[in-house]
């Protein structure tokens, strides 16, 4: 009986020791995972505009998001600064445009233009005088195409747009180009308004685009 009691005590002790060992290992692994996760999130947060990848030193980082139907407005981030958004109260339905110096990264000016019920003249007065070496950011909201005439479409095409001549009623459109660009811009997205494929009833889904733009050197 005495030997049996001693054996039971030994088994209990071994069970406790084994349980403690695996519990300690599990918590240690969990702490390591938390540590790795925090390091990853910290590194990710350090990337300009919250982008997935960092940009080289001689590039500008950006992220732009189109409007969601006619409810949530678009946003533009450039070099980790929000330059257009609902919070900044400088966006509107239609076309939202930011002009930025391609050498210094300084925002020249921003504006929005109603392309549904508004006049195209203010838009032309804004984009036609754009100087050489200026980056042009465009984000749609609600309806970018109803009042967009051939002259305005041609100006955007001269900035490197491939889709400006196709933009229609309630399309989603994002574009980053520039005055003096010699090729079509790689930074452009477009979705046609199509009742059979629209995500938001009468509007297509939101577009999001991020990337790195080389700084213009003289």
N, C-alpha and C. Protein backbone atom coordinates (compact mmCIF):
# COMPACT_ATOMS: atom_id res chain seq x y z
N UNK A 1 0.82 -1.20 0.00
CA UNK A 1 0.00 0.00 0.00
C UNK A 1 0.86 1.25 0.00
N UNK A 2 1.94 1.15 0.85
CA UNK A 2 2.81 2.32 0.93
C UNK A 2 3.48 2.60 -0.41
N UNK A 3 3.90 1.54 -1.11
CA UNK A 3 4.55 1.71 -2.43
C UNK A 3 3.58 2.28 -3.43
N UNK A 4 2.32 1.82 -3.36
CA UNK A 4 1.30 2.32 -4.28
C UNK A 4 1.04 3.80 -4.08
N UNK A 5 1.02 4.22 -2.80
CA UNK A 5 0.80 5.64 -2.49
C UNK A 5 1.94 6.49 -3.03
N UNK A 6 3.18 5.98 -2.81
CA UNK A 6 4.35 6.72 -3.30
C UNK A 6 4.31 6.82 -4.82
N UNK A 7 3.89 5.75 -5.48
CA UNK A 7 3.82 5.74 -6.95
C UNK A 7 2.80 6.76 -7.44
N UNK A 8 1.65 6.82 -6.73
CA UNK A 8 0.62 7.80 -7.12
C UNK A 8 1.14 9.23 -6.99
N UNK A 9 1.90 9.48 -5.92
CA UNK A 9 2.47 10.82 -5.71
C UNK A 9 3.44 11.17 -6.83
N UNK A 10 4.26 10.18 -7.22
CA UNK A 10 5.24 10.41 -8.29
C UNK A 10 4.52 10.71 -9.61
N UNK A 11 3.44 9.95 -9.90
CA UNK A 11 2.67 10.16 -11.13
C UNK A 11 2.05 11.55 -11.13
N UNK A 12 1.51 11.97 -9.99
CA UNK A 12 0.88 13.30 -9.89
C UNK A 12 1.93 14.39 -10.12
N UNK A 13 3.12 14.20 -9.48
CA UNK A 13 4.19 15.19 -9.65
C UNK A 13 4.64 15.28 -11.10
N UNK A 14 4.78 14.12 -11.75
CA UNK A 14 5.19 14.11 -13.16
C UNK A 14 4.13 14.79 -14.04
N UNK A 15 2.86 14.55 -13.72
CA UNK A 15 1.78 15.18 -14.47
C UNK A 15 1.81 16.69 -14.32
N UNK A 16 2.03 17.15 -13.07
CA UNK A 16 2.10 18.59 -12.82
C UNK A 16 3.28 19.23 -13.54
N UNK A 17 4.44 18.55 -13.47
CA UNK A 17 5.65 19.07 -14.12
C UNK A 17 5.45 19.15 -15.64
N UNK A 18 4.86 18.08 -16.23
CA UNK A 18 4.61 18.05 -17.68
C UNK A 18 3.64 19.15 -18.08
N UNK A 19 2.58 19.31 -17.30
CA UNK A 19 1.59 20.35 -17.58
C UNK A 19 2.21 21.73 -17.51
N UNK A 20 3.02 21.95 -16.48
CA UNK A 20 3.70 23.25 -16.33
C UNK A 20 4.63 23.52 -17.50
N UNK A 21 5.36 22.47 -17.93
CA UNK A 21 6.32 22.63 -19.04
C UNK A 21 5.63 23.07 -20.33
N UNK A 22 4.55 22.36 -20.68
CA UNK A 22 3.86 22.69 -21.93
C UNK A 22 3.12 24.02 -21.84
N UNK A 23 2.59 24.32 -20.65
CA UNK A 23 1.93 25.62 -20.48
C UNK A 23 2.92 26.76 -20.64
N UNK A 24 4.12 26.57 -20.03
CA UNK A 24 5.15 27.59 -20.14
C UNK A 24 5.59 27.78 -21.58
N UNK A 25 5.70 26.68 -22.31
CA UNK A 25 6.13 26.74 -23.71
C UNK A 25 5.06 27.42 -24.56
N UNK A 26 3.80 27.11 -24.27
CA UNK A 26 2.70 27.69 -25.03
C UNK A 26 2.64 29.20 -24.84
N UNK A 27 2.75 29.66 -23.59
CA UNK A 27 2.72 31.09 -23.32
C UNK A 27 3.94 31.80 -23.89
N UNK A 28 5.07 31.10 -23.86
CA UNK A 28 6.28 31.67 -24.44
C UNK A 28 6.13 31.87 -25.94
N UNK A 29 5.56 30.86 -26.62
CA UNK A 29 5.32 30.96 -28.07
C UNK A 29 4.32 32.06 -28.38
N UNK A 30 3.30 32.17 -27.53
CA UNK A 30 2.29 33.20 -27.74
C UNK A 30 2.91 34.59 -27.60
N UNK A 31 3.77 34.74 -26.59
CA UNK A 31 4.46 36.02 -26.40
C UNK A 31 5.36 36.33 -27.58
N UNK A 32 6.05 35.29 -28.10
CA UNK A 32 6.90 35.50 -29.27
C UNK A 32 6.09 35.92 -30.48
N UNK A 33 4.90 35.29 -30.65
CA UNK A 33 4.04 35.66 -31.76
C UNK A 33 3.55 37.09 -31.63
N UNK A 34 3.19 37.47 -30.38
CA UNK A 34 2.77 38.85 -30.15
C UNK A 34 3.90 39.82 -30.47
N UNK A 35 5.10 39.44 -30.08
CA UNK A 35 6.26 40.29 -30.33
C UNK A 35 6.51 40.45 -31.82
N UNK A 36 6.44 39.32 -32.55
CA UNK A 36 6.63 39.36 -34.00
C UNK A 36 5.54 40.17 -34.67
N UNK A 37 4.29 39.99 -34.20
CA UNK A 37 3.18 40.72 -34.78
C UNK A 37 3.35 42.22 -34.56
N UNK A 38 3.77 42.59 -33.35
CA UNK A 38 3.93 44.01 -33.05
C UNK A 38 5.04 44.63 -33.89
N UNK A 39 6.11 43.86 -34.11
CA UNK A 39 7.21 44.36 -34.94
C UNK A 39 6.73 44.56 -36.37
N UNK A 40 5.96 43.57 -36.89
CA UNK A 40 5.45 43.66 -38.26
C UNK A 40 4.51 44.85 -38.41
N UNK A 41 3.58 45.00 -37.44
CA UNK A 41 2.63 46.09 -37.52
C UNK A 41 3.33 47.43 -37.40
N UNK A 42 4.37 47.48 -36.59
CA UNK A 42 5.12 48.73 -36.44
C UNK A 42 5.81 49.10 -37.74
N UNK A 43 6.42 48.08 -38.39
CA UNK A 43 7.08 48.34 -39.66
C UNK A 43 6.09 48.76 -40.71
N UNK A 44 4.92 48.08 -40.74
CA UNK A 44 3.91 48.41 -41.72
C UNK A 44 3.39 49.82 -41.51
N UNK A 45 3.22 50.20 -40.26
CA UNK A 45 2.72 51.54 -39.95
C UNK A 45 3.70 52.62 -40.34
N UNK A 46 4.98 52.26 -40.45
CA UNK A 46 5.98 53.24 -40.80
C UNK A 46 5.97 53.59 -42.28
N UNK A 47 5.38 52.73 -43.12
CA UNK A 47 5.35 53.01 -44.54
C UNK A 47 4.40 54.18 -44.80
N UNK A 48 4.86 55.10 -45.61
CA UNK A 48 4.10 56.31 -45.89
C UNK A 48 2.71 55.99 -46.44
N UNK A 49 1.70 56.71 -45.95
CA UNK A 49 0.29 56.56 -46.34
C UNK A 49 -0.28 55.19 -45.99
N UNK A 50 0.43 54.41 -45.14
CA UNK A 50 -0.04 53.10 -44.77
C UNK A 50 0.08 52.09 -45.89
N UNK A 51 0.94 52.36 -46.87
CA UNK A 51 1.11 51.46 -48.01
C UNK A 51 1.76 50.15 -47.60
N UNK A 52 1.56 49.13 -48.41
CA UNK A 52 2.11 47.81 -48.09
C UNK A 52 3.62 47.74 -48.27
N UNK A 53 4.16 48.59 -49.14
CA UNK A 53 5.59 48.58 -49.40
C UNK A 53 6.16 49.99 -49.27
N UNK A 54 7.42 50.11 -48.85
CA UNK A 54 8.03 51.43 -48.77
C UNK A 54 8.47 51.91 -50.15
N UNK A 55 8.63 53.20 -50.29
CA UNK A 55 9.13 53.78 -51.54
C UNK A 55 10.60 54.15 -51.39
N UNK A 56 11.37 54.08 -52.49
CA UNK A 56 12.77 54.53 -52.44
C UNK A 56 12.87 56.00 -52.05
N UNK A 57 14.04 56.42 -51.65
CA UNK A 57 14.23 57.79 -51.17
C UNK A 57 13.90 58.84 -52.23
N UNK A 58 14.13 58.51 -53.49
CA UNK A 58 13.89 59.50 -54.55
C UNK A 58 12.52 59.33 -55.19
N UNK A 59 11.56 58.78 -54.43
CA UNK A 59 10.19 58.60 -54.91
C UNK A 59 9.20 59.19 -53.91
N UNK A 60 8.04 59.59 -54.42
CA UNK A 60 6.93 60.03 -53.57
C UNK A 60 5.96 58.86 -53.38
N UNK A 61 5.48 58.69 -52.15
CA UNK A 61 4.48 57.66 -51.86
C UNK A 61 3.09 58.27 -51.90
N UNK A 62 2.12 57.51 -52.42
CA UNK A 62 0.75 58.01 -52.46
C UNK A 62 -0.25 56.87 -52.30
N UNK A 63 -1.46 57.22 -51.93
CA UNK A 63 -2.60 56.31 -51.93
C UNK A 63 -3.85 57.13 -52.18
N UNK A 64 -4.67 56.69 -53.13
CA UNK A 64 -5.93 57.39 -53.38
C UNK A 64 -7.06 56.37 -53.42
N UNK A 65 -8.24 56.79 -52.94
CA UNK A 65 -9.42 55.93 -52.87
C UNK A 65 -10.59 56.70 -53.45
N UNK A 66 -11.35 56.06 -54.33
CA UNK A 66 -12.50 56.73 -54.93
C UNK A 66 -13.66 56.78 -53.94
N UNK A 67 -14.67 57.56 -54.30
CA UNK A 67 -15.84 57.63 -53.45
C UNK A 67 -16.65 56.35 -53.49
N UNK A 68 -17.38 56.07 -52.42
CA UNK A 68 -18.25 54.90 -52.34
C UNK A 68 -19.67 55.34 -52.67
N UNK A 69 -20.12 55.00 -53.88
CA UNK A 69 -21.44 55.40 -54.37
C UNK A 69 -21.58 56.93 -54.23
N UNK A 70 -22.68 57.38 -53.63
CA UNK A 70 -22.85 58.82 -53.38
C UNK A 70 -22.92 59.09 -51.88
N UNK A 71 -22.28 58.18 -51.11
CA UNK A 71 -22.38 58.25 -49.65
C UNK A 71 -21.07 58.67 -48.99
N UNK A 72 -19.99 57.95 -49.31
CA UNK A 72 -18.69 58.23 -48.69
C UNK A 72 -17.75 58.82 -49.72
N UNK A 73 -17.16 59.94 -49.39
CA UNK A 73 -16.29 60.64 -50.33
C UNK A 73 -14.92 60.00 -50.49
N UNK A 74 -14.17 60.42 -51.50
CA UNK A 74 -12.84 59.87 -51.76
C UNK A 74 -11.80 60.45 -50.81
N UNK A 75 -10.60 59.89 -50.87
CA UNK A 75 -9.50 60.44 -50.08
C UNK A 75 -8.20 60.30 -50.87
N UNK A 76 -7.28 61.22 -50.59
CA UNK A 76 -5.97 61.20 -51.21
C UNK A 76 -4.90 61.41 -50.15
N UNK A 77 -3.90 60.54 -50.16
CA UNK A 77 -2.75 60.68 -49.26
C UNK A 77 -1.50 60.82 -50.12
N UNK A 78 -0.65 61.78 -49.74
CA UNK A 78 0.60 62.00 -50.47
C UNK A 78 1.71 62.23 -49.45
N UNK A 79 2.74 61.39 -49.52
CA UNK A 79 3.87 61.51 -48.59
C UNK A 79 3.40 61.54 -47.13
N UNK A 80 2.48 60.64 -46.81
CA UNK A 80 1.97 60.44 -45.46
C UNK A 80 1.12 61.59 -44.94
N UNK A 81 0.64 62.43 -45.85
CA UNK A 81 -0.26 63.52 -45.46
C UNK A 81 -1.56 63.41 -46.26
N UNK A 82 -2.69 63.49 -45.57
CA UNK A 82 -3.98 63.48 -46.25
C UNK A 82 -4.18 64.86 -46.89
N UNK A 83 -4.33 64.88 -48.21
CA UNK A 83 -4.47 66.17 -48.90
C UNK A 83 -5.91 66.45 -49.33
N UNK A 84 -6.72 65.37 -49.49
CA UNK A 84 -8.14 65.56 -49.79
C UNK A 84 -8.92 64.46 -49.08
N UNK A 85 -10.01 64.84 -48.42
CA UNK A 85 -10.85 63.85 -47.73
C UNK A 85 -12.09 64.55 -47.19
N UNK A 86 -13.05 63.74 -46.73
CA UNK A 86 -14.25 64.28 -46.10
C UNK A 86 -13.90 65.02 -44.82
N UNK A 87 -12.92 64.49 -44.09
CA UNK A 87 -12.52 65.13 -42.83
C UNK A 87 -11.93 66.51 -43.08
N UNK A 88 -11.16 66.65 -44.16
CA UNK A 88 -10.59 67.95 -44.50
C UNK A 88 -11.63 68.88 -45.13
N UNK A 89 -12.79 68.30 -45.46
CA UNK A 89 -13.90 69.07 -46.02
C UNK A 89 -13.51 69.78 -47.32
N UNK A 90 -12.73 69.09 -48.16
CA UNK A 90 -12.34 69.70 -49.43
C UNK A 90 -12.61 68.78 -50.63
N UNK A 91 -13.61 67.90 -50.47
CA UNK A 91 -13.99 67.02 -51.58
C UNK A 91 -15.46 67.28 -51.93
N UNK A 92 -15.85 66.83 -53.11
CA UNK A 92 -17.23 67.00 -53.54
C UNK A 92 -17.59 65.96 -54.58
N UNK A 93 -18.84 65.84 -54.90
CA UNK A 93 -19.29 64.89 -55.90
C UNK A 93 -18.82 65.33 -57.29
N UNK A 94 -18.38 64.35 -58.05
CA UNK A 94 -17.85 64.64 -59.37
C UNK A 94 -16.39 64.23 -59.47
N UNK A 95 -15.54 65.18 -59.84
CA UNK A 95 -14.10 64.94 -59.94
C UNK A 95 -13.37 65.71 -58.86
N UNK A 96 -12.52 65.01 -58.11
CA UNK A 96 -11.69 65.62 -57.08
C UNK A 96 -10.26 65.59 -57.56
N UNK A 97 -9.64 66.77 -57.64
CA UNK A 97 -8.33 66.89 -58.28
C UNK A 97 -7.34 67.62 -57.38
N UNK A 98 -6.13 67.07 -57.32
CA UNK A 98 -5.03 67.72 -56.59
C UNK A 98 -3.86 67.91 -57.56
N UNK A 99 -3.27 69.10 -57.52
CA UNK A 99 -2.09 69.41 -58.33
C UNK A 99 -0.89 69.51 -57.39
N UNK A 100 0.19 68.79 -57.73
CA UNK A 100 1.35 68.71 -56.86
C UNK A 100 2.63 68.92 -57.66
N UNK A 101 3.54 69.69 -57.10
CA UNK A 101 4.83 69.92 -57.74
C UNK A 101 5.63 68.61 -57.77
N UNK A 102 6.01 68.18 -58.97
CA UNK A 102 6.66 66.88 -59.13
C UNK A 102 8.10 66.87 -58.65
N UNK A 103 8.68 68.03 -58.39
CA UNK A 103 10.06 68.11 -57.91
C UNK A 103 10.13 68.20 -56.39
N UNK A 104 9.27 69.06 -55.82
CA UNK A 104 9.32 69.32 -54.38
C UNK A 104 8.29 68.53 -53.58
N UNK A 105 7.23 68.08 -54.25
CA UNK A 105 6.17 67.39 -53.53
C UNK A 105 5.21 68.33 -52.83
N UNK A 106 5.30 69.61 -53.12
CA UNK A 106 4.42 70.60 -52.49
C UNK A 106 3.07 70.60 -53.21
N UNK A 107 1.99 70.54 -52.44
CA UNK A 107 0.65 70.59 -53.01
C UNK A 107 0.37 72.00 -53.49
N UNK A 108 0.10 72.13 -54.78
CA UNK A 108 -0.15 73.44 -55.38
C UNK A 108 -1.56 73.91 -55.05
N UNK A 109 -2.54 73.07 -55.38
CA UNK A 109 -3.93 73.38 -55.03
C UNK A 109 -4.80 72.15 -55.24
N UNK A 110 -5.98 72.16 -54.62
CA UNK A 110 -6.94 71.07 -54.74
C UNK A 110 -8.32 71.67 -55.01
N UNK A 111 -9.16 70.89 -55.67
CA UNK A 111 -10.53 71.37 -55.91
C UNK A 111 -11.40 70.20 -56.36
N UNK A 112 -12.72 70.37 -56.25
CA UNK A 112 -13.67 69.37 -56.74
C UNK A 112 -14.61 70.04 -57.73
N UNK A 113 -15.11 69.22 -58.68
CA UNK A 113 -15.93 69.76 -59.75
C UNK A 113 -17.14 68.85 -59.98
N UNK A 114 -18.32 69.45 -59.89
CA UNK A 114 -19.57 68.71 -60.06
C UNK A 114 -19.75 68.38 -61.54
N UNK A 115 -19.70 67.10 -61.88
CA UNK A 115 -19.82 66.68 -63.27
C UNK A 115 -21.22 66.17 -63.61
N UNK A 116 -22.16 66.36 -62.70
CA UNK A 116 -23.54 65.94 -62.98
C UNK A 116 -24.42 67.14 -63.32
N UNK A 117 -24.47 68.08 -62.42
CA UNK A 117 -25.33 69.25 -62.66
C UNK A 117 -24.54 70.54 -62.86
N UNK A 118 -23.23 70.46 -62.68
CA UNK A 118 -22.41 71.66 -62.79
C UNK A 118 -21.96 71.97 -64.21
N UNK A 119 -21.19 73.03 -64.33
CA UNK A 119 -20.65 73.49 -65.61
C UNK A 119 -19.21 73.00 -65.75
N UNK A 120 -18.80 72.61 -66.94
CA UNK A 120 -17.45 72.09 -67.16
C UNK A 120 -16.41 73.22 -67.23
N UNK A 121 -16.87 74.45 -67.38
CA UNK A 121 -15.94 75.58 -67.53
C UNK A 121 -14.98 75.72 -66.34
N UNK A 122 -15.43 75.65 -65.08
CA UNK A 122 -14.49 75.75 -63.95
C UNK A 122 -13.42 74.65 -63.97
N UNK A 123 -13.81 73.45 -64.40
CA UNK A 123 -12.85 72.35 -64.51
C UNK A 123 -11.77 72.68 -65.54
N UNK A 124 -12.18 73.17 -66.70
CA UNK A 124 -11.22 73.53 -67.75
C UNK A 124 -10.29 74.65 -67.30
N UNK A 125 -10.83 75.60 -66.58
CA UNK A 125 -10.00 76.70 -66.07
C UNK A 125 -8.99 76.22 -65.05
N UNK A 126 -9.28 75.10 -64.43
CA UNK A 126 -8.38 74.53 -63.41
C UNK A 126 -7.29 73.67 -64.05
N UNK A 127 -7.64 72.86 -65.05
CA UNK A 127 -6.67 71.89 -65.58
C UNK A 127 -5.89 72.38 -66.81
N UNK A 128 -6.45 73.29 -67.58
CA UNK A 128 -5.76 73.72 -68.80
C UNK A 128 -4.47 74.50 -68.53
N UNK A 129 -4.41 75.36 -67.50
CA UNK A 129 -3.17 76.12 -67.26
C UNK A 129 -2.10 75.37 -66.48
N UNK A 130 -2.32 74.08 -66.19
CA UNK A 130 -1.36 73.32 -65.39
C UNK A 130 0.04 73.41 -65.99
N UNK A 131 1.01 73.73 -65.14
CA UNK A 131 2.39 73.94 -65.61
C UNK A 131 3.14 72.62 -65.79
N UNK A 132 4.15 72.67 -66.63
CA UNK A 132 5.02 71.51 -66.84
C UNK A 132 5.62 71.07 -65.51
N UNK A 133 5.71 69.75 -65.31
CA UNK A 133 6.28 69.24 -64.07
C UNK A 133 5.30 69.22 -62.91
N UNK A 134 4.01 69.15 -63.22
CA UNK A 134 2.97 69.08 -62.19
C UNK A 134 2.30 67.72 -62.20
N UNK A 135 2.20 67.10 -61.03
CA UNK A 135 1.46 65.84 -60.89
C UNK A 135 -0.02 66.15 -60.77
N UNK A 136 -0.84 65.32 -61.42
CA UNK A 136 -2.29 65.52 -61.40
C UNK A 136 -2.95 64.27 -60.81
N UNK A 137 -3.60 64.43 -59.66
CA UNK A 137 -4.31 63.34 -58.99
C UNK A 137 -5.81 63.52 -59.19
N UNK A 138 -6.50 62.45 -59.56
CA UNK A 138 -7.94 62.53 -59.80
C UNK A 138 -8.64 61.36 -59.11
N UNK A 139 -9.72 61.66 -58.39
CA UNK A 139 -10.54 60.62 -57.76
C UNK A 139 -12.01 60.95 -57.98
N UNK A 140 -12.77 59.97 -58.44
CA UNK A 140 -14.19 60.19 -58.71
C UNK A 140 -15.03 60.01 -57.45
N UNK A 141 -16.21 60.64 -57.49
CA UNK A 141 -17.17 60.50 -56.40
C UNK A 141 -18.58 60.67 -56.98
N UNK A 142 -19.39 59.64 -56.91
CA UNK A 142 -20.75 59.65 -57.40
C UNK A 142 -20.78 59.62 -58.94
N UNK A 143 -20.64 60.77 -59.59
CA UNK A 143 -20.71 60.81 -61.06
C UNK A 143 -19.61 61.70 -61.63
N UNK A 144 -18.60 61.12 -62.28
CA UNK A 144 -17.51 61.91 -62.84
C UNK A 144 -17.66 62.25 -64.32
N UNK A 145 -18.69 61.68 -65.01
CA UNK A 145 -18.66 61.75 -66.46
C UNK A 145 -19.74 62.50 -67.19
N UNK A 146 -20.86 62.83 -66.54
CA UNK A 146 -21.98 63.41 -67.28
C UNK A 146 -21.63 64.71 -68.00
N UNK A 147 -20.94 65.62 -67.34
CA UNK A 147 -20.60 66.91 -67.95
C UNK A 147 -19.19 66.95 -68.53
N UNK A 148 -18.50 65.83 -68.51
CA UNK A 148 -17.11 65.80 -69.00
C UNK A 148 -17.13 65.84 -70.53
N UNK A 149 -16.75 66.98 -71.12
CA UNK A 149 -16.81 67.12 -72.57
C UNK A 149 -15.51 66.68 -73.24
N UNK A 150 -15.49 66.74 -74.56
CA UNK A 150 -14.33 66.27 -75.33
C UNK A 150 -13.06 67.05 -74.99
N UNK A 151 -13.18 68.35 -74.77
CA UNK A 151 -12.01 69.17 -74.47
C UNK A 151 -11.37 68.76 -73.15
N UNK A 152 -12.18 68.57 -72.13
CA UNK A 152 -11.67 68.15 -70.82
C UNK A 152 -11.07 66.75 -70.89
N UNK A 153 -11.72 65.86 -71.61
CA UNK A 153 -11.20 64.51 -71.76
C UNK A 153 -9.84 64.51 -72.44
N UNK A 154 -9.68 65.38 -73.43
CA UNK A 154 -8.42 65.48 -74.16
C UNK A 154 -7.30 66.00 -73.26
N UNK A 155 -7.63 66.92 -72.36
CA UNK A 155 -6.62 67.45 -71.43
C UNK A 155 -6.13 66.33 -70.51
N UNK A 156 -7.06 65.55 -69.97
CA UNK A 156 -6.65 64.43 -69.11
C UNK A 156 -5.83 63.41 -69.89
N UNK A 157 -6.19 63.19 -71.15
CA UNK A 157 -5.42 62.27 -71.98
C UNK A 157 -4.00 62.77 -72.17
N UNK A 158 -3.84 64.11 -72.27
CA UNK A 158 -2.50 64.68 -72.41
C UNK A 158 -1.67 64.53 -71.14
N UNK A 159 -2.36 64.31 -70.02
CA UNK A 159 -1.67 64.05 -68.75
C UNK A 159 -1.28 62.58 -68.60
N UNK A 160 -1.66 61.76 -69.57
CA UNK A 160 -1.30 60.34 -69.54
C UNK A 160 -2.45 59.39 -69.29
N UNK A 161 -3.69 59.89 -69.28
CA UNK A 161 -4.83 59.03 -69.01
C UNK A 161 -5.19 58.17 -70.22
N UNK A 162 -5.50 56.91 -69.95
CA UNK A 162 -5.95 55.98 -71.00
C UNK A 162 -7.47 55.87 -71.03
N UNK A 163 -8.14 56.30 -69.95
CA UNK A 163 -9.57 56.09 -69.83
C UNK A 163 -10.42 57.36 -69.85
N UNK A 164 -9.81 58.52 -69.90
CA UNK A 164 -10.58 59.76 -69.78
C UNK A 164 -11.64 59.89 -70.87
N UNK A 165 -11.38 59.34 -72.06
CA UNK A 165 -12.35 59.44 -73.15
C UNK A 165 -13.47 58.42 -73.02
N UNK A 166 -13.37 57.54 -72.01
CA UNK A 166 -14.39 56.51 -71.82
C UNK A 166 -15.22 56.73 -70.55
N UNK A 167 -14.85 57.71 -69.74
CA UNK A 167 -15.54 57.93 -68.46
C UNK A 167 -17.00 58.30 -68.71
N UNK A 168 -17.90 57.59 -68.04
CA UNK A 168 -19.32 57.85 -68.21
C UNK A 168 -20.05 58.07 -66.90
N UNK A 169 -21.35 58.10 -66.97
CA UNK A 169 -22.23 58.34 -65.83
C UNK A 169 -21.98 57.32 -64.72
N UNK A 170 -21.62 57.83 -63.55
CA UNK A 170 -21.43 57.04 -62.33
C UNK A 170 -20.31 56.00 -62.41
N UNK A 171 -19.37 56.16 -63.32
CA UNK A 171 -18.20 55.27 -63.35
C UNK A 171 -17.32 55.56 -62.13
N UNK A 172 -16.50 54.60 -61.76
CA UNK A 172 -15.46 54.82 -60.75
C UNK A 172 -14.14 55.03 -61.48
N UNK A 173 -13.38 56.05 -61.05
CA UNK A 173 -12.16 56.40 -61.77
C UNK A 173 -11.12 56.95 -60.81
N UNK A 174 -9.91 56.41 -60.90
CA UNK A 174 -8.74 56.94 -60.21
C UNK A 174 -7.64 57.16 -61.24
N UNK A 175 -6.93 58.26 -61.11
CA UNK A 175 -5.88 58.56 -62.08
C UNK A 175 -4.79 59.43 -61.45
N UNK A 176 -3.54 59.08 -61.75
CA UNK A 176 -2.40 59.93 -61.38
C UNK A 176 -1.54 60.09 -62.62
N UNK A 177 -1.43 61.29 -63.10
CA UNK A 177 -0.61 61.59 -64.28
C UNK A 177 0.16 62.87 -64.07
N UNK A 178 0.51 63.52 -65.16
CA UNK A 178 1.27 64.75 -65.03
C UNK A 178 1.39 65.52 -66.33
N UNK A 179 1.62 66.80 -66.19
CA UNK A 179 1.82 67.64 -67.38
C UNK A 179 3.22 67.38 -67.93
N UNK A 180 3.27 67.04 -69.23
CA UNK A 180 4.56 66.78 -69.86
C UNK A 180 4.92 65.32 -69.89
N UNK A 181 4.03 64.44 -69.44
CA UNK A 181 4.31 63.01 -69.46
C UNK A 181 4.35 62.53 -70.92
N UNK A 182 5.32 61.69 -71.24
CA UNK A 182 5.51 61.25 -72.63
C UNK A 182 4.87 59.90 -72.93
N UNK A 183 4.42 59.21 -71.90
CA UNK A 183 3.79 57.90 -72.08
C UNK A 183 2.49 57.84 -71.29
N UNK A 184 1.74 56.77 -71.48
CA UNK A 184 0.53 56.58 -70.70
C UNK A 184 0.89 56.28 -69.24
N UNK A 185 0.16 56.85 -68.34
CA UNK A 185 0.44 56.67 -66.92
C UNK A 185 0.15 55.24 -66.49
N UNK A 186 1.01 54.66 -65.65
CA UNK A 186 0.73 53.32 -65.10
C UNK A 186 -0.23 53.37 -63.91
N UNK A 187 -0.57 54.58 -63.48
CA UNK A 187 -1.40 54.75 -62.28
C UNK A 187 -2.81 55.19 -62.67
N UNK A 188 -3.62 54.22 -63.04
CA UNK A 188 -5.00 54.53 -63.41
C UNK A 188 -5.87 53.29 -63.25
N UNK A 189 -7.08 53.50 -62.72
CA UNK A 189 -8.07 52.43 -62.59
C UNK A 189 -9.44 52.96 -62.99
N UNK A 190 -10.24 52.10 -63.59
CA UNK A 190 -11.55 52.53 -64.07
C UNK A 190 -12.51 51.35 -64.06
N UNK A 191 -13.71 51.57 -63.54
CA UNK A 191 -14.77 50.56 -63.58
C UNK A 191 -16.03 51.22 -64.14
N UNK A 192 -16.61 50.60 -65.17
CA UNK A 192 -17.83 51.12 -65.76
C UNK A 192 -19.03 50.88 -64.84
N UNK A 193 -19.94 51.83 -64.87
CA UNK A 193 -21.22 51.67 -64.20
C UNK A 193 -22.04 50.63 -64.97
N UNK A 194 -22.36 49.52 -64.32
CA UNK A 194 -23.08 48.44 -64.97
C UNK A 194 -24.04 47.82 -63.95
N UNK A 195 -25.32 47.93 -64.18
CA UNK A 195 -26.31 47.48 -63.19
C UNK A 195 -26.19 45.99 -62.89
N UNK A 196 -25.61 45.22 -63.81
CA UNK A 196 -25.48 43.78 -63.59
C UNK A 196 -24.27 43.42 -62.73
N UNK A 197 -23.29 44.31 -62.68
CA UNK A 197 -22.07 44.01 -61.91
C UNK A 197 -21.81 45.01 -60.79
N UNK A 198 -22.59 46.08 -60.70
CA UNK A 198 -22.37 47.09 -59.67
C UNK A 198 -22.43 46.50 -58.27
N UNK A 199 -21.56 46.98 -57.41
CA UNK A 199 -21.54 46.52 -56.02
C UNK A 199 -22.54 47.29 -55.18
N UNK A 200 -22.71 48.58 -55.49
CA UNK A 200 -23.61 49.43 -54.70
C UNK A 200 -24.82 49.83 -55.53
N UNK A 201 -25.66 48.88 -55.89
CA UNK A 201 -26.89 49.15 -56.62
C UNK A 201 -26.60 49.95 -57.90
N UNK A 202 -26.66 51.28 -57.85
CA UNK A 202 -26.44 52.10 -59.04
C UNK A 202 -25.03 52.56 -59.24
N UNK A 203 -24.08 52.02 -58.44
CA UNK A 203 -22.68 52.45 -58.56
C UNK A 203 -21.74 51.24 -58.49
N UNK A 204 -20.61 51.30 -59.21
CA UNK A 204 -19.62 50.22 -59.09
C UNK A 204 -18.85 50.32 -57.78
N UNK A 205 -17.99 49.34 -57.53
CA UNK A 205 -17.27 49.29 -56.27
C UNK A 205 -16.22 50.39 -56.13
N UNK A 206 -15.74 50.55 -54.91
CA UNK A 206 -14.71 51.53 -54.60
C UNK A 206 -13.37 51.08 -55.20
N UNK A 207 -12.62 52.03 -55.69
CA UNK A 207 -11.28 51.76 -56.20
C UNK A 207 -10.25 52.27 -55.20
N UNK A 208 -9.15 51.54 -55.08
CA UNK A 208 -8.05 51.96 -54.21
C UNK A 208 -6.73 51.71 -54.93
N UNK A 209 -5.87 52.70 -54.90
CA UNK A 209 -4.60 52.59 -55.62
C UNK A 209 -3.49 53.23 -54.79
N UNK A 210 -2.35 52.53 -54.72
CA UNK A 210 -1.18 53.08 -54.03
C UNK A 210 0.05 52.84 -54.88
N UNK A 211 1.11 53.59 -54.61
CA UNK A 211 2.32 53.41 -55.40
C UNK A 211 3.40 54.42 -55.07
N UNK A 212 4.42 54.42 -55.90
CA UNK A 212 5.58 55.30 -55.74
C UNK A 212 5.83 56.04 -57.06
N UNK A 213 5.96 57.35 -56.96
CA UNK A 213 6.19 58.18 -58.14
C UNK A 213 7.58 58.79 -58.07
N UNK A 214 8.39 58.62 -59.12
CA UNK A 214 9.74 59.20 -59.09
C UNK A 214 9.70 60.72 -59.04
N UNK A 215 10.56 61.30 -58.22
CA UNK A 215 10.65 62.75 -58.14
C UNK A 215 11.26 63.30 -59.43
N UNK A 216 10.71 64.39 -59.89
CA UNK A 216 11.23 65.01 -61.10
C UNK A 216 12.50 65.77 -60.76
N UNK A 217 13.56 65.50 -61.50
CA UNK A 217 14.83 66.21 -61.29
C UNK A 217 15.11 67.10 -62.49
N UNK A 218 15.62 68.27 -62.22
CA UNK A 218 15.90 69.22 -63.28
C UNK A 218 17.22 68.90 -63.99
